[in-house]
Amino acid sequence: MWFSQAFKNDPEFAMLRVLIVVFSVCCHEYMHARTALWQGDDTAKQRGHLTLNPLKQMGFFSLILLFVIGIAFGQVPVNPSKLKGRYSEAMVSFAGPLTNLILALIFFVGIVITYKVGEGGEVNLFLVRVLGTGAILNLVLFVLNMIPAPPLDGFGILRSFFPALKTTSSEFLNGAYFFIIIIVFVSAGHIFSFANSLVINGLKLCGVKLYFG
């Protein structure tokens, strides 16, 4: 089912997911740009990527894809020749997924606090739904981006430790892009289920019994 169909079934929740994904992707890309600057490369800064503006970090095409099929991406320009450290590329690549992991933790802690504050009274279920969705989607973004294949961040990390990968042919990269698209479509549901279970089980350990649909 096209993601756009979700707007007919549950428009409020669909829009909520879109807003969370846009915010999370922009934070992800911002930290790529910021870390690159810390490591000596000002390319992203010069091109205006030190911002949370989705039109800059994602672009119209990515935003349209998000509304239609629920998949989005961003891209920050990095010039590896300007990076000053041996593992600077790995740091820049990991900065994005790490941001999503931190956001997931913040959303998770928010759920626990919201539940504990409302315990014995009335829990704000809408807020819990927002926070739960944020935690799950950011875990999904973390896992997807850590796949060690181009053009994902996991490949940038791997390439930093194995310099021979930097000479990878463009033909291979083009094939890898197509392969990754297939992986995303096939595995996205499984990754989402894994993230959902991880959040729910984590909440149980904290004494919170909630479920997210």
C-alpha atoms as a PDB file:
ATOM      1  CA  MET A   1       0.000   0.000   0.000  1.00  0.00           C
ATOM      2  CA  TRP A   2       1.316   3.428  -0.902  1.00  0.00           C
ATOM      3  CA  PHE A   3       2.066   5.549   2.161  1.00  0.00           C
ATOM      4  CA  SER A   4      -0.242   8.229   0.743  1.00  0.00           C
ATOM      5  CA  GLN A   5      -3.118   5.825   1.391  1.00  0.00           C
ATOM      6  CA  ALA A   6      -2.390   6.147   5.115  1.00  0.00           C
ATOM      7  CA  PHE A   7      -3.597   9.744   4.953  1.00  0.00           C
ATOM      8  CA  LYS A   8      -7.068   8.406   4.110  1.00  0.00           C
ATOM      9  CA  ASN A   9      -7.069   5.778   6.852  1.00  0.00           C
ATOM     10  CA  ASP A  10      -5.488   7.806   9.676  1.00  0.00           C
ATOM     11  CA  PRO A  11      -4.484  11.290   8.464  1.00  0.00           C
ATOM     12  CA  GLU A  12      -3.473  12.538  11.920  1.00  0.00           C
ATOM     13  CA  PHE A  13      -1.069   9.681  12.544  1.00  0.00           C
ATOM     14  CA  ALA A  14       0.258   9.770   8.963  1.00  0.00           C
ATOM     15  CA  MET A  15       1.059  13.468   9.255  1.00  0.00           C
ATOM     16  CA  LEU A  16       2.627  12.867  12.650  1.00  0.00           C
ATOM     17  CA  ARG A  17       4.992  10.314  11.144  1.00  0.00           C
ATOM     18  CA  VAL A  18       5.877  12.642   8.280  1.00  0.00           C
ATOM     19  CA  LEU A  19       6.747  15.488  10.652  1.00  0.00           C
ATOM     20  CA  ILE A  20       8.848  13.217  12.874  1.00  0.00           C
ATOM     21  CA  VAL A  21      10.727  11.752   9.906  1.00  0.00           C
ATOM     22  CA  VAL A  22      11.404  15.207   8.442  1.00  0.00           C
ATOM     23  CA  PHE A  23      12.673  16.505  11.779  1.00  0.00           C
ATOM     24  CA  SER A  24      14.806  13.414  12.382  1.00  0.00           C
ATOM     25  CA  VAL A  25      16.337  13.362   8.900  1.00  0.00           C
ATOM     26  CA  CYS A  26      17.163  17.073   9.128  1.00  0.00           C
ATOM     27  CA  CYS A  27      18.845  16.561  12.518  1.00  0.00           C
ATOM     28  CA  HIS A  28      20.726  13.597  11.028  1.00  0.00           C
ATOM     29  CA  GLU A  29      21.996  15.653   8.087  1.00  0.00           C
ATOM     30  CA  TYR A  30      22.769  18.685  10.235  1.00  0.00           C
ATOM     31  CA  MET A  31      25.099  16.613  12.398  1.00  0.00           C
ATOM     32  CA  HIS A  32      26.868  15.267   9.311  1.00  0.00           C
ATOM     33  CA  ALA A  33      27.509  18.875   8.283  1.00  0.00           C
ATOM     34  CA  ARG A  34      28.498  20.005  11.780  1.00  0.00           C
ATOM     35  CA  THR A  35      30.877  17.082  12.328  1.00  0.00           C
ATOM     36  CA  ALA A  36      32.473  17.614   8.905  1.00  0.00           C
ATOM     37  CA  LEU A  37      33.127  21.230   9.891  1.00  0.00           C
ATOM     38  CA  TRP A  38      34.668  20.113  13.195  1.00  0.00           C
ATOM     39  CA  GLN A  39      36.917  17.766  11.209  1.00  0.00           C
ATOM     40  CA  GLY A  40      38.133  20.472   8.830  1.00  0.00           C
ATOM     41  CA  ASP A  41      35.717  20.306   5.896  1.00  0.00           C
ATOM     42  CA  ASP A  42      33.604  23.444   5.441  1.00  0.00           C
ATOM     43  CA  THR A  43      31.953  22.280   2.182  1.00  0.00           C
ATOM     44  CA  ALA A  44      28.566  21.663   3.801  1.00  0.00           C
ATOM     45  CA  LYS A  45      28.728  24.976   5.642  1.00  0.00           C
ATOM     46  CA  GLN A  46      29.530  26.865   2.443  1.00  0.00           C
ATOM     47  CA  ARG A  47      26.545  25.229   0.729  1.00  0.00           C
ATOM     48  CA  GLY A  48      24.144  26.123   3.521  1.00  0.00           C
ATOM     49  CA  HIS A  49      23.688  22.743   5.211  1.00  0.00           C
ATOM     50  CA  LEU A  50      24.138  23.983   8.783  1.00  0.00           C
ATOM     51  CA  THR A  51      20.355  24.241   9.007  1.00  0.00           C
ATOM     52  CA  LEU A  52      17.275  22.196   9.856  1.00  0.00           C
ATOM     53  CA  ASN A  53      15.469  23.456   6.753  1.00  0.00           C
ATOM     54  CA  PRO A  54      14.010  20.319   5.072  1.00  0.00           C
ATOM     55  CA  LEU A  55      14.074  21.939   1.635  1.00  0.00           C
ATOM     56  CA  LYS A  56      17.843  22.261   1.986  1.00  0.00           C
ATOM     57  CA  GLN A  57      18.607  19.008   3.769  1.00  0.00           C
ATOM     58  CA  MET A  58      16.133  16.786   1.902  1.00  0.00           C
ATOM     59  CA  GLY A  59      14.851  18.596  -1.176  1.00  0.00           C
ATOM     60  CA  PHE A  60      11.487  18.444  -2.940  1.00  0.00           C
ATOM     61  CA  PHE A  61      12.018  14.984  -4.443  1.00  0.00           C
ATOM     62  CA  SER A  62      12.783  13.378  -1.087  1.00  0.00           C
ATOM     63  CA  LEU A  63       9.787  15.090   0.526  1.00  0.00           C
ATOM     64  CA  ILE A  64       7.511  13.879  -2.269  1.00  0.00           C
ATOM     65  CA  LEU A  65       8.819  10.320  -1.854  1.00  0.00           C
ATOM     66  CA  LEU A  66       8.104  10.551   1.864  1.00  0.00           C
ATOM     67  CA  PHE A  67       4.477  11.494   1.273  1.00  0.00           C
ATOM     68  CA  VAL A  68       3.973   8.876  -1.457  1.00  0.00           C
ATOM     69  CA  ILE A  69       5.863   5.775  -0.277  1.00  0.00           C
ATOM     70  CA  GLY A  70       7.071   6.700   3.207  1.00  0.00           C
ATOM     71  CA  ILE A  71      10.781   6.742   2.356  1.00  0.00           C
ATOM     72  CA  ALA A  72      12.983   9.821   2.587  1.00  0.00           C
ATOM     73  CA  PHE A  73      16.632  10.707   2.366  1.00  0.00           C
ATOM     74  CA  GLY A  74      18.993  13.632   2.735  1.00  0.00           C
ATOM     75  CA  GLN A  75      22.452  14.324   1.442  1.00  0.00           C
ATOM     76  CA  VAL A  76      25.181  16.568   2.810  1.00  0.00           C
ATOM     77  CA  PRO A  77      28.183  17.331   0.565  1.00  0.00           C
ATOM     78  CA  VAL A  78      31.484  16.242   2.101  1.00  0.00           C
ATOM     79  CA  ASN A  79      34.968  16.652   0.652  1.00  0.00           C
ATOM     80  CA  PRO A  80      37.099  13.830   2.141  1.00  0.00           C
ATOM     81  CA  SER A  81      40.322  15.559   1.034  1.00  0.00           C
ATOM     82  CA  LYS A  82      39.629  18.357   3.530  1.00  0.00           C
ATOM     83  CA  LEU A  83      39.079  16.049   6.485  1.00  0.00           C
ATOM     84  CA  LYS A  84      42.042  16.249   8.841  1.00  0.00           C
ATOM     85  CA  GLY A  85      41.931  12.958  10.782  1.00  0.00           C
ATOM     86  CA  ARG A  86      42.558   9.306   9.891  1.00  0.00           C
ATOM     87  CA  TYR A  87      39.062   8.373  10.961  1.00  0.00           C
ATOM     88  CA  SER A  88      37.351  11.681  10.231  1.00  0.00           C
ATOM     89  CA  GLU A  89      35.236  10.131   7.475  1.00  0.00           C
ATOM     90  CA  ALA A  90      33.985   7.491   9.904  1.00  0.00           C
ATOM     91  CA  MET A  91      33.149  10.193  12.448  1.00  0.00           C
ATOM     92  CA  VAL A  92      31.249  12.242   9.869  1.00  0.00           C
ATOM     93  CA  SER A  93      29.384   9.168   8.634  1.00  0.00           C
ATOM     94  CA  PHE A  94      28.496   7.946  12.122  1.00  0.00           C
ATOM     95  CA  ALA A  95      27.356  11.380  13.314  1.00  0.00           C
ATOM     96  CA  GLY A  96      24.029  11.038  11.481  1.00  0.00           C
ATOM     97  CA  PRO A  97      22.975   7.584  12.749  1.00  0.00           C
ATOM     98  CA  LEU A  98      24.243   8.466  16.241  1.00  0.00           C
ATOM     99  CA  THR A  99      21.947  11.486  16.202  1.00  0.00           C
ATOM    100  CA  ASN A 100      18.984   9.239  15.413  1.00  0.00           C
ATOM    101  CA  LEU A 101      19.978   6.879  18.217  1.00  0.00           C
ATOM    102  CA  ILE A 102      20.168   9.796  20.673  1.00  0.00           C
ATOM    103  CA  LEU A 103      16.797  11.111  19.466  1.00  0.00           C
ATOM    104  CA  ALA A 104      15.293   7.644  19.948  1.00  0.00           C
ATOM    105  CA  LEU A 105      16.611   7.597  23.516  1.00  0.00           C
ATOM    106  CA  ILE A 106      15.220  11.088  24.199  1.00  0.00           C
ATOM    107  CA  PHE A 107      11.793  10.085  22.882  1.00  0.00           C
ATOM    108  CA  PHE A 108      11.957   6.854  24.916  1.00  0.00           C
ATOM    109  CA  VAL A 109      12.790   8.686  28.138  1.00  0.00           C
ATOM    110  CA  GLY A 110       9.952  11.085  27.335  1.00  0.00           C
ATOM    111  CA  ILE A 111       7.511   8.166  27.219  1.00  0.00           C
ATOM    112  CA  VAL A 112       8.646   6.904  30.618  1.00  0.00           C
ATOM    113  CA  ILE A 113       8.393  10.360  32.186  1.00  0.00           C
ATOM    114  CA  THR A 114       4.956  10.986  30.657  1.00  0.00           C
ATOM    115  CA  TYR A 115       3.701   7.623  31.885  1.00  0.00           C
ATOM    116  CA  LYS A 116       5.114   8.049  35.393  1.00  0.00           C
ATOM    117  CA  VAL A 117       3.705  11.579  35.711  1.00  0.00           C
ATOM    118  CA  GLY A 118       0.254  10.377  34.686  1.00  0.00           C
ATOM    119  CA  GLU A 119       0.393   7.115  36.620  1.00  0.00           C
ATOM    120  CA  GLY A 120      -2.519   6.793  39.027  1.00  0.00           C
ATOM    121  CA  GLY A 121      -4.361   9.465  37.096  1.00  0.00           C
ATOM    122  CA  GLU A 122      -4.704  10.051  33.381  1.00  0.00           C
ATOM    123  CA  VAL A 123      -1.826   9.401  30.979  1.00  0.00           C
ATOM    124  CA  ASN A 124      -1.638  11.729  27.979  1.00  0.00           C
ATOM    125  CA  LEU A 125      -2.021   9.031  25.325  1.00  0.00           C
ATOM    126  CA  PHE A 126      -1.571  11.414  22.393  1.00  0.00           C
ATOM    127  CA  LEU A 127       1.777  12.592  23.752  1.00  0.00           C
ATOM    128  CA  VAL A 128       2.783   8.997  24.394  1.00  0.00           C
ATOM    129  CA  ARG A 129       1.886   8.141  20.800  1.00  0.00           C
ATOM    130  CA  VAL A 130       3.993  11.022  19.501  1.00  0.00           C
ATOM    131  CA  LEU A 131       6.971  10.026  21.646  1.00  0.00           C
ATOM    132  CA  GLY A 132       6.586   6.329  20.836  1.00  0.00           C
ATOM    133  CA  THR A 133       6.461   7.042  17.126  1.00  0.00           C
ATOM    134  CA  GLY A 134       9.553   9.223  17.439  1.00  0.00           C
ATOM    135  CA  ALA A 135      11.483   6.515  19.276  1.00  0.00           C
ATOM    136  CA  ILE A 136      10.550   3.782  16.793  1.00  0.00           C
ATOM    137  CA  LEU A 137      11.164   5.813  13.626  1.00  0.00           C
ATOM    138  CA  ASN A 138      14.548   7.016  14.846  1.00  0.00           C
ATOM    139  CA  LEU A 139      15.585   3.458  15.640  1.00  0.00           C
ATOM    140  CA  VAL A 140      14.534   2.495  12.113  1.00  0.00           C
ATOM    141  CA  LEU A 141      16.615   5.345  10.673  1.00  0.00           C
ATOM    142  CA  PHE A 142      19.585   4.278  12.799  1.00  0.00           C
ATOM    143  CA  VAL A 143      19.451   0.646  11.681  1.00  0.00           C
ATOM    144  CA  LEU A 144      18.871   1.456   8.001  1.00  0.00           C
ATOM    145  CA  ASN A 145      21.712   3.963   7.864  1.00  0.00           C
ATOM    146  CA  MET A 146      24.141   1.588   9.547  1.00  0.00           C
ATOM    147  CA  ILE A 147      23.831  -0.964   6.721  1.00  0.00           C
ATOM    148  CA  PRO A 148      27.430  -1.150   5.372  1.00  0.00           C
ATOM    149  CA  ALA A 149      26.616  -0.550   1.704  1.00  0.00           C
ATOM    150  CA  PRO A 150      26.634   2.590  -0.456  1.00  0.00           C
ATOM    151  CA  PRO A 151      25.164   5.160  -0.284  1.00  0.00           C
ATOM    152  CA  LEU A 152      24.357   4.559   3.392  1.00  0.00           C
ATOM    153  CA  ASP A 153      26.441   5.821   6.304  1.00  0.00           C
ATOM    154  CA  GLY A 154      27.515   2.326   7.267  1.00  0.00           C
ATOM    155  CA  PHE A 155      29.552   2.171   4.062  1.00  0.00           C
ATOM    156  CA  GLY A 156      31.249   5.481   4.885  1.00  0.00           C
ATOM    157  CA  ILE A 157      32.276   4.072   8.255  1.00  0.00           C
ATOM    158  CA  LEU A 158      33.502   0.825   6.690  1.00  0.00           C
ATOM    159  CA  ARG A 159      35.416   2.707   3.978  1.00  0.00           C
ATOM    160  CA  SER A 160      37.259   4.716   6.625  1.00  0.00           C
ATOM    161  CA  PHE A 161      38.685   1.520   8.131  1.00  0.00           C
ATOM    162  CA  PHE A 162      39.295  -0.165   4.763  1.00  0.00           C
ATOM    163  CA  PRO A 163      40.798   2.486   2.442  1.00  0.00           C
ATOM    164  CA  ALA A 164      40.776   0.082  -0.535  1.00  0.00           C
ATOM    165  CA  LEU A 165      37.010   0.599  -0.712  1.00  0.00           C
ATOM    166  CA  LYS A 166      37.614   4.248  -1.638  1.00  0.00           C
ATOM    167  CA  THR A 167      38.648   3.127  -5.115  1.00  0.00           C
ATOM    168  CA  THR A 168      35.363   1.293  -5.668  1.00  0.00           C
ATOM    169  CA  SER A 169      34.222   1.632  -9.285  1.00  0.00           C
ATOM    170  CA  SER A 170      31.216   3.757 -10.195  1.00  0.00           C
ATOM    171  CA  GLU A 171      29.600   0.723 -11.856  1.00  0.00           C
ATOM    172  CA  PHE A 172      29.679  -1.125  -8.558  1.00  0.00           C
ATOM    173  CA  LEU A 173      28.276   1.870  -6.701  1.00  0.00           C
ATOM    174  CA  ASN A 174      25.405   2.220  -9.174  1.00  0.00           C
ATOM    175  CA  GLY A 175      24.588  -1.449  -8.740  1.00  0.00           C
ATOM    176  CA  ALA A 176      24.818  -1.083  -4.980  1.00  0.00           C
ATOM    177  CA  TYR A 177      22.369   1.835  -5.017  1.00  0.00           C
ATOM    178  CA  PHE A 178      19.803  -0.333  -6.795  1.00  0.00           C
ATOM    179  CA  PHE A 179      20.470  -3.201  -4.402  1.00  0.00           C
ATOM    180  CA  ILE A 180      19.993  -0.948  -1.379  1.00  0.00           C
ATOM    181  CA  ILE A 181      16.657   0.306  -2.718  1.00  0.00           C
ATOM    182  CA  ILE A 182      15.483  -3.316  -2.897  1.00  0.00           C
ATOM    183  CA  ILE A 183      16.776  -4.009   0.626  1.00  0.00           C
ATOM    184  CA  VAL A 184      14.934  -0.985   2.003  1.00  0.00           C
ATOM    185  CA  PHE A 185      11.644  -2.052   0.430  1.00  0.00           C
ATOM    186  CA  VAL A 186      12.004  -5.689   1.501  1.00  0.00           C
ATOM    187  CA  SER A 187      13.389  -5.193   5.001  1.00  0.00           C
ATOM    188  CA  ALA A 188      11.768  -1.926   6.124  1.00  0.00           C
ATOM    189  CA  GLY A 189       8.781  -3.754   7.605  1.00  0.00           C
ATOM    190  CA  HIS A 190      11.016  -6.157   9.527  1.00  0.00           C
ATOM    191  CA  ILE A 191      13.210  -3.332  10.802  1.00  0.00           C
ATOM    192  CA  PHE A 192      10.125  -1.417  11.905  1.00  0.00           C
ATOM    193  CA  SER A 193       8.815  -4.497  13.763  1.00  0.00           C
ATOM    194  CA  PHE A 194      12.210  -4.941  15.420  1.00  0.00           C
ATOM    195  CA  ALA A 195      12.282  -1.293  16.513  1.00  0.00           C
ATOM    196  CA  ASN A 196       8.702  -1.504  17.763  1.00  0.00           C
ATOM    197  CA  SER A 197       9.484  -4.630  19.819  1.00  0.00           C
ATOM    198  CA  LEU A 198      12.668  -3.057  21.169  1.00  0.00           C
ATOM    199  CA  VAL A 199      10.800   0.019  22.411  1.00  0.00           C
ATOM    200  CA  ILE A 200       7.957  -2.017  23.917  1.00  0.00           C
ATOM    201  CA  ASN A 201      10.303  -4.428  25.705  1.00  0.00           C
ATOM    202  CA  GLY A 202      12.396  -1.510  26.928  1.00  0.00           C
ATOM    203  CA  LEU A 203       9.298   0.137  28.343  1.00  0.00           C
ATOM    204  CA  LYS A 204       8.335  -3.094  30.101  1.00  0.00           C
ATOM    205  CA  LEU A 205      11.712  -3.115  31.825  1.00  0.00           C
ATOM    206  CA  CYS A 206      10.909   0.406  33.021  1.00  0.00           C
ATOM    207  CA  GLY A 207       7.526  -0.707  34.326  1.00  0.00           C
ATOM    208  CA  VAL A 208       5.566   0.819  31.448  1.00  0.00           C
ATOM    209  CA  LYS A 209       3.113  -1.408  29.563  1.00  0.00           C
ATOM    210  CA  LEU A 210       2.211   0.306  26.309  1.00  0.00           C
ATOM    211  CA  TYR A 211       1.763  -0.845  22.741  1.00  0.00           C
ATOM    212  CA  PHE A 212       2.132   1.044  19.503  1.00  0.00           C
ATOM    213  CA  GLY A 213       0.243   0.238  16.330  1.00  0.00           C
END
